[in-house]
C-alpha atoms as a PDB file:
ATOM      1  CA  MET A   1      98.889  33.623  21.018  1.00  0.00           C
ATOM      2  CA  ARG A   2     101.098  36.212  22.697  1.00  0.00           C
ATOM      3  CA  LEU A   3      99.808  38.350  25.557  1.00  0.00           C
ATOM      4  CA  THR A   4     100.349  41.361  23.267  1.00  0.00           C
ATOM      5  CA  GLN A   5      97.760  39.855  20.864  1.00  0.00           C
ATOM      6  CA  LEU A   6      95.143  38.974  23.479  1.00  0.00           C
ATOM      7  CA  PRO A   7      91.930  40.971  22.965  1.00  0.00           C
ATOM      8  CA  LEU A   8      91.079  43.329  25.807  1.00  0.00           C
ATOM      9  CA  ARG A   9      88.956  41.835  28.602  1.00  0.00           C
ATOM     10  CA  GLN A  10      89.470  38.282  27.256  1.00  0.00           C
ATOM     11  CA  PRO A  11      90.351  35.964  30.169  1.00  0.00           C
ATOM     12  CA  ALA A  12      93.230  33.616  29.434  1.00  0.00           C
ATOM     13  CA  TYR A  13      95.853  31.456  31.111  1.00  0.00           C
ATOM     14  CA  VAL A  14      99.617  31.581  30.728  1.00  0.00           C
ATOM     15  CA  ASP A  15     100.725  28.679  28.573  1.00  0.00           C
ATOM     16  CA  THR A  16     104.479  29.318  28.340  1.00  0.00           C
ATOM     17  CA  ILE A  17     106.934  32.090  29.162  1.00  0.00           C
ATOM     18  CA  ASP A  18     110.130  32.666  27.175  1.00  0.00           C
ATOM     19  CA  TRP A  19     112.292  33.282  30.267  1.00  0.00           C
ATOM     20  CA  PRO A  20     115.607  33.358  28.302  1.00  0.00           C
ATOM     21  CA  SER A  21     114.369  36.429  26.360  1.00  0.00           C
ATOM     22  CA  LEU A  22     114.161  38.367  29.655  1.00  0.00           C
ATOM     23  CA  SER A  23     117.006  39.517  31.866  1.00  0.00           C
ATOM     24  CA  ALA A  24     117.340  37.824  35.254  1.00  0.00           C
ATOM     25  CA  THR A  25     116.051  40.978  36.982  1.00  0.00           C
ATOM     26  CA  GLU A  26     113.036  41.271  34.653  1.00  0.00           C
ATOM     27  CA  ALA A  27     112.185  37.587  35.083  1.00  0.00           C
ATOM     28  CA  GLN A  28     112.436  37.796  38.873  1.00  0.00           C
ATOM     29  CA  ARG A  29     110.185  40.862  38.965  1.00  0.00           C
ATOM     30  CA  LEU A  30     107.524  39.169  36.815  1.00  0.00           C
ATOM     31  CA  ARG A  31     107.658  36.047  39.006  1.00  0.00           C
ATOM     32  CA  GLU A  32     107.170  38.258  42.075  1.00  0.00           C
ATOM     33  CA  PHE A  33     104.009  39.630  40.422  1.00  0.00           C
ATOM     34  CA  GLY A  34     102.746  36.046  40.157  1.00  0.00           C
ATOM     35  CA  LEU A  35     103.452  35.471  36.482  1.00  0.00           C
ATOM     36  CA  CYS A  36     103.937  31.731  35.978  1.00  0.00           C
ATOM     37  CA  GLU A  37     102.633  28.965  33.735  1.00  0.00           C
ATOM     38  CA  GLY A  38      98.951  28.393  34.507  1.00  0.00           C
ATOM     39  CA  ALA A  39      98.324  31.857  35.992  1.00  0.00           C
ATOM     40  CA  SER A  40      95.136  33.627  34.929  1.00  0.00           C
ATOM     41  CA  VAL A  41      95.734  36.796  32.885  1.00  0.00           C
ATOM     42  CA  GLU A  42      93.605  39.432  31.211  1.00  0.00           C
ATOM     43  CA  ALA A  43      94.705  42.403  29.092  1.00  0.00           C
ATOM     44  CA  LEU A  44      92.863  45.495  30.338  1.00  0.00           C
ATOM     45  CA  HIS A  45      94.344  48.460  28.445  1.00  0.00           C
ATOM     46  CA  HIS A  46      97.017  49.262  25.863  1.00  0.00           C
ATOM     47  CA  GLY A  47      98.838  52.469  26.792  1.00  0.00           C
ATOM     48  CA  GLY A  48     100.815  54.953  24.759  1.00  0.00           C
ATOM     49  CA  ILE A  49     100.161  56.428  21.343  1.00  0.00           C
ATOM     50  CA  TRP A  50      98.106  54.040  19.182  1.00  0.00           C
ATOM     51  CA  GLY A  51      98.169  51.440  21.936  1.00  0.00           C
ATOM     52  CA  ARG A  52     101.854  50.606  21.451  1.00  0.00           C
ATOM     53  CA  GLY A  53     102.983  51.369  25.015  1.00  0.00           C
ATOM     54  CA  PRO A  54     102.750  49.293  28.176  1.00  0.00           C
ATOM     55  CA  ILE A  55      99.870  46.889  28.693  1.00  0.00           C
ATOM     56  CA  ALA A  56      97.741  47.065  31.827  1.00  0.00           C
ATOM     57  CA  CYS A  57      96.945  43.476  32.664  1.00  0.00           C
ATOM     58  CA  ARG A  58      95.481  41.470  35.487  1.00  0.00           C
ATOM     59  CA  ILE A  59      97.524  38.551  36.777  1.00  0.00           C
ATOM     60  CA  GLY A  60      95.361  36.604  39.175  1.00  0.00           C
ATOM     61  CA  ARG A  61      93.839  39.363  41.330  1.00  0.00           C
ATOM     62  CA  MET A  62      96.650  41.905  40.830  1.00  0.00           C
ATOM     63  CA  THR A  63      96.643  44.595  38.132  1.00  0.00           C
ATOM     64  CA  ILE A  64     100.041  45.663  36.767  1.00  0.00           C
ATOM     65  CA  ALA A  65     101.500  47.631  33.861  1.00  0.00           C
ATOM     66  CA  MET A  66     103.755  45.389  31.798  1.00  0.00           C
ATOM     67  CA  ARG A  67     106.230  46.530  29.172  1.00  0.00           C
ATOM     68  CA  ARG A  68     105.284  45.380  25.699  1.00  0.00           C
ATOM     69  CA  HIS A  69     108.469  43.326  25.171  1.00  0.00           C
ATOM     70  CA  HIS A  70     107.811  41.504  28.463  1.00  0.00           C
ATOM     71  CA  ALA A  71     104.244  40.729  27.371  1.00  0.00           C
ATOM     72  CA  ALA A  72     105.572  39.450  24.034  1.00  0.00           C
ATOM     73  CA  ALA A  73     107.503  36.764  25.955  1.00  0.00           C
ATOM     74  CA  VAL A  74     104.241  35.372  27.394  1.00  0.00           C
ATOM     75  CA  THR A  75     102.187  32.873  25.395  1.00  0.00           C
ATOM     76  CA  VAL A  76      98.579  32.525  26.559  1.00  0.00           C
ATOM     77  CA  ARG A  77      95.631  30.297  25.822  1.00  0.00           C
ATOM     78  CA  THR A  78      91.943  31.021  26.172  1.00  0.00           C
ATOM     79  CA  GLY A  79      89.273  28.567  27.185  1.00  0.00           C
ATOM     80  CA  ALA A  80      89.229  26.076  30.025  1.00  0.00           C
ATOM     81  CA  GLU A  81      91.824  26.371  32.775  1.00  0.00           C
ATOM     82  CA  PRO A  82      94.745  24.196  31.627  1.00  0.00           C
ATOM     83  CA  PHE A  83      95.921  22.837  34.986  1.00  0.00           C
ATOM     84  CA  GLY A  84      92.724  22.449  37.003  1.00  0.00           C
ATOM     85  CA  PRO A  85      92.030  24.802  39.910  1.00  0.00           C
ATOM     86  CA  ARG A  86      94.857  27.330  39.913  1.00  0.00           C
ATOM     87  CA  HIS A  87      97.543  26.566  42.461  1.00  0.00           C
ATOM     88  CA  ALA A  88      95.293  24.174  44.406  1.00  0.00           C
ATOM     89  CA  ALA A  89      98.283  22.079  45.418  1.00  0.00           C
ATOM     90  CA  MET A  90     100.273  25.182  46.334  1.00  0.00           C
ATOM     91  CA  ASP A  91      97.465  26.467  48.580  1.00  0.00           C
ATOM     92  CA  GLY A  92      97.666  23.300  50.661  1.00  0.00           C
ATOM     93  CA  ASP A  93     101.449  23.660  50.918  1.00  0.00           C
ATOM     94  CA  ALA A  94     101.075  27.256  52.063  1.00  0.00           C
ATOM     95  CA  ASP A  95      98.637  26.219  54.795  1.00  0.00           C
ATOM     96  CA  ARG A  96     101.024  23.511  55.943  1.00  0.00           C
ATOM     97  CA  ASP A  97     103.986  25.917  55.904  1.00  0.00           C
ATOM     98  CA  MET A  98     102.086  28.505  57.930  1.00  0.00           C
ATOM     99  CA  ALA A  99     101.208  25.901  60.561  1.00  0.00           C
ATOM    100  CA  ALA A 100     104.879  24.923  60.981  1.00  0.00           C
END
């Protein structure tokens, strides 16, 4: 299901992202917010008239407002975490990098 279709307050994980549908600048900005395959997401609020505006969503521990067409490029899945503990391997790399 698309992030735009995710019920409010329903935890989910990013399954795939249609990066080619986004401009390079848009894709870079979303990556900087932590949007990647396997990231935890949750739709919090639909803005605008009749809920057709931006979507307030939580990505990991950060809350952002995402344009609807950006959210439509994100496919999510609910249920068990698809890749085990989120970024567990990356956390170890970060600790190693900080020690260097």
